Amino acid sequence: QVHLVESGGGSVQTGGSLTLSCTASGFTYSSYCIGWFRQAPGKEREGVAAIDSEGSTGYADSVKGRFTISKDNAKNTLYLRMNSLKPEDTAMYYCAAADGTLMTPKQALGVMVAFGSWGQGTQVTVSS
């Protein structure tokens, strides 16, 4: 059974940094496209960053240059390093895994139905 657990969320001021982690069990990251999504109150869930089995990455335009996605296959852990945080980055952040997709990571961010396994989320709050 696939199980994803996020951690690392918290409260920071504008311009601060956080690193989110997502540890998986029941499958191996090395064979999946995995990504980070977020949902702010009253807004739809949106893709943030994704990485495929070969290490190619894709980012939402709103976070490109500020966020970095990476993974450690040996630890089966996904990371999201978030720098220069803004109040509009405030949201619940989820990691998710997609098995068998042929889309690029950037493409996959726009097709949430491709991600069949989701974590419970970790809250990120950025104050001005």
C-alpha atoms as a PDB file:
ATOM      1  CA  GLN A   1       0.000   0.000   0.000  1.00  0.00           C
ATOM      2  CA  VAL A   2       1.345   3.396  -1.031  1.00  0.00           C
ATOM      3  CA  HIS A   3       1.827   5.797   1.850  1.00  0.00           C
ATOM      4  CA  LEU A   4       3.190   9.342   1.684  1.00  0.00           C
ATOM      5  CA  VAL A   5       3.993  11.474   4.724  1.00  0.00           C
ATOM      6  CA  GLU A   6       4.901  15.151   4.465  1.00  0.00           C
ATOM      7  CA  SER A   7       6.800  17.149   7.072  1.00  0.00           C
ATOM      8  CA  GLY A   8       8.685  20.402   7.438  1.00  0.00           C
ATOM      9  CA  GLY A   9       5.889  22.920   7.226  1.00  0.00           C
ATOM     10  CA  GLY A  10       5.685  25.868   9.552  1.00  0.00           C
ATOM     11  CA  SER A  11       5.362  29.618   9.878  1.00  0.00           C
ATOM     12  CA  VAL A  12       7.940  32.015   8.479  1.00  0.00           C
ATOM     13  CA  GLN A  13       8.164  35.672   7.593  1.00  0.00           C
ATOM     14  CA  THR A  14       8.305  37.028   4.075  1.00  0.00           C
ATOM     15  CA  GLY A  15      11.675  36.284   2.545  1.00  0.00           C
ATOM     16  CA  GLY A  16      12.253  33.262   4.737  1.00  0.00           C
ATOM     17  CA  SER A  17      12.955  29.677   3.758  1.00  0.00           C
ATOM     18  CA  LEU A  18      11.573  26.239   4.495  1.00  0.00           C
ATOM     19  CA  THR A  19      12.338  22.737   3.335  1.00  0.00           C
ATOM     20  CA  LEU A  20       9.502  20.255   3.025  1.00  0.00           C
ATOM     21  CA  SER A  21      10.063  16.515   3.026  1.00  0.00           C
ATOM     22  CA  CYS A  22       7.899  13.640   1.856  1.00  0.00           C
ATOM     23  CA  THR A  23       8.780  10.096   2.776  1.00  0.00           C
ATOM     24  CA  ALA A  24       7.222   7.209   0.892  1.00  0.00           C
ATOM     25  CA  SER A  25       6.497   3.614   1.703  1.00  0.00           C
ATOM     26  CA  GLY A  26       4.959   0.901  -0.431  1.00  0.00           C
ATOM     27  CA  PHE A  27       6.709   1.963  -3.629  1.00  0.00           C
ATOM     28  CA  THR A  28      10.017   3.396  -4.763  1.00  0.00           C
ATOM     29  CA  TYR A  29      10.478   6.971  -5.902  1.00  0.00           C
ATOM     30  CA  SER A  30      12.922   5.855  -8.541  1.00  0.00           C
ATOM     31  CA  SER A  31      10.122   4.616 -10.798  1.00  0.00           C
ATOM     32  CA  TYR A  32       7.517   7.348 -10.318  1.00  0.00           C
ATOM     33  CA  CYS A  33       6.875  10.933 -11.240  1.00  0.00           C
ATOM     34  CA  ILE A  34       6.373  12.695  -7.918  1.00  0.00           C
ATOM     35  CA  GLY A  35       5.378  16.220  -7.169  1.00  0.00           C
ATOM     36  CA  TRP A  36       4.342  18.917  -4.769  1.00  0.00           C
ATOM     37  CA  PHE A  37       0.951  20.566  -4.912  1.00  0.00           C
ATOM     38  CA  ARG A  38      -0.611  23.248  -2.735  1.00  0.00           C
ATOM     39  CA  GLN A  39      -4.028  24.508  -1.834  1.00  0.00           C
ATOM     40  CA  ALA A  40      -4.767  27.837  -0.219  1.00  0.00           C
ATOM     41  CA  PRO A  41      -8.083  28.502   1.558  1.00  0.00           C
ATOM     42  CA  GLY A  42     -10.810  29.173  -0.975  1.00  0.00           C
ATOM     43  CA  LYS A  43      -8.603  28.292  -3.929  1.00  0.00           C
ATOM     44  CA  GLU A  44      -8.143  25.255  -6.117  1.00  0.00           C
ATOM     45  CA  ARG A  45      -5.254  22.909  -5.619  1.00  0.00           C
ATOM     46  CA  GLU A  46      -2.369  23.733  -7.934  1.00  0.00           C
ATOM     47  CA  GLY A  47       0.831  22.076  -9.025  1.00  0.00           C
ATOM     48  CA  VAL A  48       4.052  23.512  -7.638  1.00  0.00           C
ATOM     49  CA  ALA A  49       6.938  21.274  -8.720  1.00  0.00           C
ATOM     50  CA  ALA A  50       7.493  17.754 -10.000  1.00  0.00           C
ATOM     51  CA  ILE A  51      10.384  15.417 -10.703  1.00  0.00           C
ATOM     52  CA  ASP A  52      10.403  12.264 -12.792  1.00  0.00           C
ATOM     53  CA  SER A  53      12.259   8.991 -12.461  1.00  0.00           C
ATOM     54  CA  GLU A  54      15.232  10.344 -14.410  1.00  0.00           C
ATOM     55  CA  GLY A  55      15.507  13.497 -12.324  1.00  0.00           C
ATOM     56  CA  SER A  56      13.989  15.930 -14.791  1.00  0.00           C
ATOM     57  CA  THR A  57      12.053  18.681 -13.057  1.00  0.00           C
ATOM     58  CA  GLY A  58       9.220  21.069 -13.775  1.00  0.00           C
ATOM     59  CA  TYR A  59       7.944  24.097 -11.868  1.00  0.00           C
ATOM     60  CA  ALA A  60       4.970  26.366 -11.777  1.00  0.00           C
ATOM     61  CA  ASP A  61       5.848  29.822 -13.095  1.00  0.00           C
ATOM     62  CA  SER A  62       4.955  31.343  -9.724  1.00  0.00           C
ATOM     63  CA  VAL A  63       7.723  29.454  -7.906  1.00  0.00           C
ATOM     64  CA  LYS A  64      10.387  29.049 -10.581  1.00  0.00           C
ATOM     65  CA  GLY A  65      13.710  30.375  -9.357  1.00  0.00           C
ATOM     66  CA  ARG A  66      12.602  30.299  -5.719  1.00  0.00           C
ATOM     67  CA  PHE A  67      11.689  26.637  -5.122  1.00  0.00           C
ATOM     68  CA  THR A  68      13.815  23.567  -5.796  1.00  0.00           C
ATOM     69  CA  ILE A  69      12.507  20.011  -5.918  1.00  0.00           C
ATOM     70  CA  SER A  70      14.824  17.095  -5.321  1.00  0.00           C
ATOM     71  CA  LYS A  71      14.710  13.491  -4.186  1.00  0.00           C
ATOM     72  CA  ASP A  72      16.872  10.940  -2.491  1.00  0.00           C
ATOM     73  CA  ASN A  73      16.005   7.556  -3.983  1.00  0.00           C
ATOM     74  CA  ALA A  74      18.010   5.696  -1.356  1.00  0.00           C
ATOM     75  CA  LYS A  75      15.914   7.298   1.398  1.00  0.00           C
ATOM     76  CA  ASN A  76      12.728   7.307  -0.670  1.00  0.00           C
ATOM     77  CA  THR A  77      12.322  10.942   0.285  1.00  0.00           C
ATOM     78  CA  LEU A  78      11.210  13.919  -1.768  1.00  0.00           C
ATOM     79  CA  TYR A  79      12.183  17.479  -0.850  1.00  0.00           C
ATOM     80  CA  LEU A  80      11.000  20.963  -1.679  1.00  0.00           C
ATOM     81  CA  ARG A  81      13.375  23.744  -0.783  1.00  0.00           C
ATOM     82  CA  MET A  82      11.459  27.017  -0.676  1.00  0.00           C
ATOM     83  CA  ASN A  83      13.367  30.293  -0.646  1.00  0.00           C
ATOM     84  CA  SER A  84      12.214  33.904  -0.774  1.00  0.00           C
ATOM     85  CA  LEU A  85       8.807  32.926   0.521  1.00  0.00           C
ATOM     86  CA  LYS A  86       5.884  35.274  -0.047  1.00  0.00           C
ATOM     87  CA  PRO A  87       2.507  35.547   1.712  1.00  0.00           C
ATOM     88  CA  GLU A  88       0.895  34.133  -1.436  1.00  0.00           C
ATOM     89  CA  ASP A  89       2.851  30.907  -0.868  1.00  0.00           C
ATOM     90  CA  THR A  90       0.707  30.276   2.211  1.00  0.00           C
ATOM     91  CA  ALA A  91      -1.120  26.984   1.674  1.00  0.00           C
ATOM     92  CA  MET A  92      -1.371  23.346   2.596  1.00  0.00           C
ATOM     93  CA  TYR A  93       1.342  21.530   0.677  1.00  0.00           C
ATOM     94  CA  TYR A  94       0.848  17.967  -0.513  1.00  0.00           C
ATOM     95  CA  CYS A  95       3.164  15.478  -2.124  1.00  0.00           C
ATOM     96  CA  ALA A  96       1.781  13.056  -4.671  1.00  0.00           C
ATOM     97  CA  ALA A  97       2.999  10.222  -6.857  1.00  0.00           C
ATOM     98  CA  ALA A  98       2.076   9.281 -10.404  1.00  0.00           C
ATOM     99  CA  ASP A  99       2.835   5.810 -11.740  1.00  0.00           C
ATOM    100  CA  GLY A 100       3.335   5.181 -15.409  1.00  0.00           C
ATOM    101  CA  THR A 101       2.824   8.687 -16.733  1.00  0.00           C
ATOM    102  CA  LEU A 102       4.513   9.611 -20.002  1.00  0.00           C
ATOM    103  CA  MET A 103       4.117  13.317 -19.370  1.00  0.00           C
ATOM    104  CA  THR A 104       6.999  15.597 -18.568  1.00  0.00           C
ATOM    105  CA  PRO A 105       7.068  16.857 -14.975  1.00  0.00           C
ATOM    106  CA  LYS A 106       5.880  20.285 -16.146  1.00  0.00           C
ATOM    107  CA  GLN A 107       2.978  18.721 -18.031  1.00  0.00           C
ATOM    108  CA  ALA A 108       2.095  16.469 -15.111  1.00  0.00           C
ATOM    109  CA  LEU A 109       1.691  19.457 -12.773  1.00  0.00           C
ATOM    110  CA  GLY A 110      -1.381  20.432 -14.753  1.00  0.00           C
ATOM    111  CA  VAL A 111      -2.972  16.968 -14.659  1.00  0.00           C
ATOM    112  CA  MET A 112      -3.657  16.147 -11.025  1.00  0.00           C
ATOM    113  CA  VAL A 113      -5.708  13.094 -11.910  1.00  0.00           C
ATOM    114  CA  ALA A 114      -2.477  11.461 -13.034  1.00  0.00           C
ATOM    115  CA  PHE A 115      -1.340  11.431  -9.407  1.00  0.00           C
ATOM    116  CA  GLY A 116      -3.036   8.496  -7.722  1.00  0.00           C
ATOM    117  CA  SER A 117      -1.331   8.635  -4.337  1.00  0.00           C
ATOM    118  CA  TRP A 118      -1.405  11.620  -2.009  1.00  0.00           C
ATOM    119  CA  GLY A 119      -0.087  12.537   1.405  1.00  0.00           C
ATOM    120  CA  GLN A 120      -2.060  14.290   4.125  1.00  0.00           C
ATOM    121  CA  GLY A 121      -0.333  17.623   3.680  1.00  0.00           C
ATOM    122  CA  THR A 122       1.792  20.030   5.704  1.00  0.00           C
ATOM    123  CA  GLN A 123       0.860  23.648   6.346  1.00  0.00           C
ATOM    124  CA  VAL A 124       3.070  26.527   5.256  1.00  0.00           C
ATOM    125  CA  THR A 125       2.223  30.012   6.490  1.00  0.00           C
ATOM    126  CA  VAL A 126       4.134  33.089   5.352  1.00  0.00           C
ATOM    127  CA  SER A 127       3.477  36.319   7.206  1.00  0.00           C
ATOM    128  CA  SER A 128       4.181  39.787   5.892  1.00  0.00           C
END
